[in-house]
Amino acid sequence: MPYETLARDGEVAAYPLLRARGGPKDGSRPVARPQWGRQADEGCSVQEVDVSSIPTTIELSSTIDRMENVYRRQDEARALFDVYEKLCQRFEQDLADERDLLLSKAAALMMIKYSVEQTGSHPSRG
């Protein structure tokens, strides 16, 4: 079984390259995530990921559209939403992969969601 080794901040992880069926024709997405350890052969484990739990780009786009519609209309989120729109322009310039772009947008929206929830003005709260 082929393995891929990743390094980060002096730590190394090795994990089997398990591939999901139905991935893009030029390659499939991994279905295992590394657990970081000091050495690849010392205590490095693999966390299996259920392929059905990985959202598709269609699901990500739908979630982003829904969240944008919610927070675009909220006064409490307006300042952060303006920054979000600028970030989206930057993401579109810097990120070539559609999935990376969508995940970046979703992460920025989650920050807005968290901020609004902390102020107590989330739409689901009244």
C-alpha atoms as a PDB file:
ATOM      1  CA  MET A   1       0.000   0.000   0.000  1.00  0.00           C
ATOM      2  CA  PRO A   2       1.487   3.414  -0.895  1.00  0.00           C
ATOM      3  CA  TYR A   3       2.101   5.900   1.886  1.00  0.00           C
ATOM      4  CA  GLU A   4       2.365   9.659   1.855  1.00  0.00           C
ATOM      5  CA  THR A   5       4.569  11.502   4.311  1.00  0.00           C
ATOM      6  CA  LEU A   6       3.723  15.024   5.435  1.00  0.00           C
ATOM      7  CA  ALA A   7       5.891  17.309   7.544  1.00  0.00           C
ATOM      8  CA  ARG A   8       4.763  20.244   9.682  1.00  0.00           C
ATOM      9  CA  ASP A   9       6.666  22.199  12.316  1.00  0.00           C
ATOM     10  CA  GLY A  10       9.262  19.475  12.789  1.00  0.00           C
ATOM     11  CA  GLU A  11       6.634  16.755  13.072  1.00  0.00           C
ATOM     12  CA  VAL A  12       6.148  14.003  10.524  1.00  0.00           C
ATOM     13  CA  ALA A  13       3.090  11.950   9.657  1.00  0.00           C
ATOM     14  CA  ALA A  14       2.859   8.987   7.328  1.00  0.00           C
ATOM     15  CA  TYR A  15      -0.460   7.592   6.274  1.00  0.00           C
ATOM     16  CA  PRO A  16      -1.749   5.217   3.641  1.00  0.00           C
ATOM     17  CA  LEU A  17      -3.071   6.793   0.493  1.00  0.00           C
ATOM     18  CA  LEU A  18      -6.597   5.467   0.632  1.00  0.00           C
ATOM     19  CA  ARG A  19      -8.710   6.936  -2.127  1.00  0.00           C
ATOM     20  CA  ALA A  20     -12.418   7.523  -2.404  1.00  0.00           C
ATOM     21  CA  ARG A  21     -14.257   6.290  -5.428  1.00  0.00           C
ATOM     22  CA  GLY A  22     -15.923   8.871  -7.600  1.00  0.00           C
ATOM     23  CA  GLY A  23     -13.157  11.439  -7.195  1.00  0.00           C
ATOM     24  CA  PRO A  24     -11.982  13.576 -10.087  1.00  0.00           C
ATOM     25  CA  LYS A  25     -10.541  11.704 -13.064  1.00  0.00           C
ATOM     26  CA  ASP A  26      -7.061  13.131 -12.479  1.00  0.00           C
ATOM     27  CA  GLY A  27      -6.971  11.786  -8.898  1.00  0.00           C
ATOM     28  CA  SER A  28      -9.167  10.895  -5.964  1.00  0.00           C
ATOM     29  CA  ARG A  29      -9.369  12.585  -2.616  1.00  0.00           C
ATOM     30  CA  PRO A  30      -7.761  10.918   0.403  1.00  0.00           C
ATOM     31  CA  VAL A  31     -10.067   9.279   2.899  1.00  0.00           C
ATOM     32  CA  ALA A  32      -7.554   9.112   5.747  1.00  0.00           C
ATOM     33  CA  ARG A  33      -6.240  11.962   7.843  1.00  0.00           C
ATOM     34  CA  PRO A  34      -2.843  11.853   9.533  1.00  0.00           C
ATOM     35  CA  GLN A  35      -2.388  12.034  13.257  1.00  0.00           C
ATOM     36  CA  TRP A  36       0.817  13.975  13.861  1.00  0.00           C
ATOM     37  CA  GLY A  37       3.693  12.433  15.816  1.00  0.00           C
ATOM     38  CA  ARG A  38       7.388  13.176  16.313  1.00  0.00           C
ATOM     39  CA  GLN A  39       8.487  10.459  13.897  1.00  0.00           C
ATOM     40  CA  ALA A  40       6.632   8.733  11.116  1.00  0.00           C
ATOM     41  CA  ASP A  41       7.269   5.293  12.604  1.00  0.00           C
ATOM     42  CA  GLU A  42       6.659   6.278  16.231  1.00  0.00           C
ATOM     43  CA  GLY A  43       3.057   6.378  17.317  1.00  0.00           C
ATOM     44  CA  CYS A  44       1.674   7.849  14.114  1.00  0.00           C
ATOM     45  CA  SER A  45      -1.874   6.674  13.609  1.00  0.00           C
ATOM     46  CA  VAL A  46      -4.460   7.164  10.908  1.00  0.00           C
ATOM     47  CA  GLN A  47      -7.941   8.501  11.518  1.00  0.00           C
ATOM     48  CA  GLU A  48     -10.354   6.924   9.068  1.00  0.00           C
ATOM     49  CA  VAL A  49     -12.860   9.310   7.568  1.00  0.00           C
ATOM     50  CA  ASP A  50     -16.256   8.252   6.348  1.00  0.00           C
ATOM     51  CA  VAL A  51     -16.388   9.433   2.737  1.00  0.00           C
ATOM     52  CA  SER A  52     -20.063  10.303   3.123  1.00  0.00           C
ATOM     53  CA  SER A  53     -19.089  12.900   5.767  1.00  0.00           C
ATOM     54  CA  ILE A  54     -16.988  14.907   3.296  1.00  0.00           C
ATOM     55  CA  PRO A  55     -19.285  17.579   1.818  1.00  0.00           C
ATOM     56  CA  THR A  56     -19.434  17.911  -1.948  1.00  0.00           C
ATOM     57  CA  THR A  57     -18.740  21.223  -3.656  1.00  0.00           C
ATOM     58  CA  ILE A  58     -22.477  21.479  -4.353  1.00  0.00           C
ATOM     59  CA  GLU A  59     -23.253  21.111  -0.634  1.00  0.00           C
ATOM     60  CA  LEU A  60     -20.561  23.643   0.275  1.00  0.00           C
ATOM     61  CA  SER A  61     -21.904  26.156  -2.284  1.00  0.00           C
ATOM     62  CA  SER A  62     -25.440  25.705  -0.975  1.00  0.00           C
ATOM     63  CA  THR A  63     -24.350  26.257   2.623  1.00  0.00           C
ATOM     64  CA  ILE A  64     -22.321  29.335   1.673  1.00  0.00           C
ATOM     65  CA  ASP A  65     -25.251  30.828  -0.272  1.00  0.00           C
ATOM     66  CA  ARG A  66     -27.603  30.223   2.667  1.00  0.00           C
ATOM     67  CA  MET A  67     -25.212  31.732   5.213  1.00  0.00           C
ATOM     68  CA  GLU A  68     -24.447  34.740   2.988  1.00  0.00           C
ATOM     69  CA  ASN A  69     -28.171  35.446   2.682  1.00  0.00           C
ATOM     70  CA  VAL A  70     -28.604  35.306   6.458  1.00  0.00           C
ATOM     71  CA  TYR A  71     -25.646  37.479   7.424  1.00  0.00           C
ATOM     72  CA  ARG A  72     -25.844  39.944   4.535  1.00  0.00           C
ATOM     73  CA  ARG A  73     -29.134  41.243   6.005  1.00  0.00           C
ATOM     74  CA  GLN A  74     -28.008  41.488   9.626  1.00  0.00           C
ATOM     75  CA  ASP A  75     -26.925  44.839  11.020  1.00  0.00           C
ATOM     76  CA  GLU A  76     -24.748  43.130  13.654  1.00  0.00           C
ATOM     77  CA  ALA A  77     -22.817  41.283  10.927  1.00  0.00           C
ATOM     78  CA  ARG A  78     -22.518  44.179   8.451  1.00  0.00           C
ATOM     79  CA  ALA A  79     -18.933  45.249   9.283  1.00  0.00           C
ATOM     80  CA  LEU A  80     -17.667  41.681   9.251  1.00  0.00           C
ATOM     81  CA  PHE A  81     -19.631  40.899   6.103  1.00  0.00           C
ATOM     82  CA  ASP A  82     -17.925  43.805   4.300  1.00  0.00           C
ATOM     83  CA  VAL A  83     -14.553  42.304   5.260  1.00  0.00           C
ATOM     84  CA  TYR A  84     -15.819  38.874   4.194  1.00  0.00           C
ATOM     85  CA  GLU A  85     -16.624  40.170   0.708  1.00  0.00           C
ATOM     86  CA  LYS A  86     -13.100  41.600   0.387  1.00  0.00           C
ATOM     87  CA  LEU A  87     -11.655  38.308   1.582  1.00  0.00           C
ATOM     88  CA  CYS A  88     -13.696  36.450  -1.026  1.00  0.00           C
ATOM     89  CA  GLN A  89     -12.135  38.579  -3.755  1.00  0.00           C
ATOM     90  CA  ARG A  90      -8.703  37.704  -2.392  1.00  0.00           C
ATOM     91  CA  PHE A  91      -9.584  34.005  -2.123  1.00  0.00           C
ATOM     92  CA  GLU A  92     -10.700  34.014  -5.757  1.00  0.00           C
ATOM     93  CA  GLN A  93      -7.387  35.561  -6.815  1.00  0.00           C
ATOM     94  CA  ASP A  94      -5.206  33.262  -4.722  1.00  0.00           C
ATOM     95  CA  LEU A  95      -6.958  29.884  -4.771  1.00  0.00           C
ATOM     96  CA  ALA A  96      -7.186  27.877  -7.983  1.00  0.00           C
ATOM     97  CA  ASP A  97      -8.959  24.845  -6.509  1.00  0.00           C
ATOM     98  CA  GLU A  98     -12.736  25.224  -6.214  1.00  0.00           C
ATOM     99  CA  ARG A  99     -12.914  23.168  -3.021  1.00  0.00           C
ATOM    100  CA  ASP A 100     -10.193  25.275  -1.358  1.00  0.00           C
ATOM    101  CA  LEU A 101     -12.071  28.431  -2.368  1.00  0.00           C
ATOM    102  CA  LEU A 102     -15.367  27.166  -0.962  1.00  0.00           C
ATOM    103  CA  LEU A 103     -13.807  25.935   2.278  1.00  0.00           C
ATOM    104  CA  SER A 104     -12.090  29.313   2.761  1.00  0.00           C
ATOM    105  CA  LYS A 105     -15.360  31.164   2.256  1.00  0.00           C
ATOM    106  CA  ALA A 106     -17.146  28.793   4.629  1.00  0.00           C
ATOM    107  CA  ALA A 107     -14.481  29.298   7.297  1.00  0.00           C
ATOM    108  CA  ALA A 108     -14.806  33.088   7.040  1.00  0.00           C
ATOM    109  CA  LEU A 109     -18.589  32.800   7.321  1.00  0.00           C
ATOM    110  CA  MET A 110     -18.212  30.603  10.393  1.00  0.00           C
ATOM    111  CA  MET A 111     -16.236  33.413  12.009  1.00  0.00           C
ATOM    112  CA  ILE A 112     -19.102  35.818  11.291  1.00  0.00           C
ATOM    113  CA  LYS A 113     -21.578  33.271  12.662  1.00  0.00           C
ATOM    114  CA  TYR A 114     -19.530  32.859  15.845  1.00  0.00           C
ATOM    115  CA  SER A 115     -19.244  36.619  16.322  1.00  0.00           C
ATOM    116  CA  VAL A 116     -22.980  37.157  15.884  1.00  0.00           C
ATOM    117  CA  GLU A 117     -23.780  34.294  18.268  1.00  0.00           C
ATOM    118  CA  GLN A 118     -21.489  35.789  20.916  1.00  0.00           C
ATOM    119  CA  THR A 119     -23.376  39.101  20.765  1.00  0.00           C
ATOM    120  CA  GLY A 120     -26.666  37.244  21.228  1.00  0.00           C
ATOM    121  CA  SER A 121     -28.200  38.505  17.994  1.00  0.00           C
ATOM    122  CA  HIS A 122     -28.217  35.274  15.992  1.00  0.00           C
ATOM    123  CA  PRO A 123     -31.396  34.966  13.841  1.00  0.00           C
ATOM    124  CA  SER A 124     -32.293  31.591  15.366  1.00  0.00           C
ATOM    125  CA  ARG A 125     -32.381  33.201  18.818  1.00  0.00           C
ATOM    126  CA  GLY A 126     -35.176  35.530  18.109  1.00  0.00           C
END
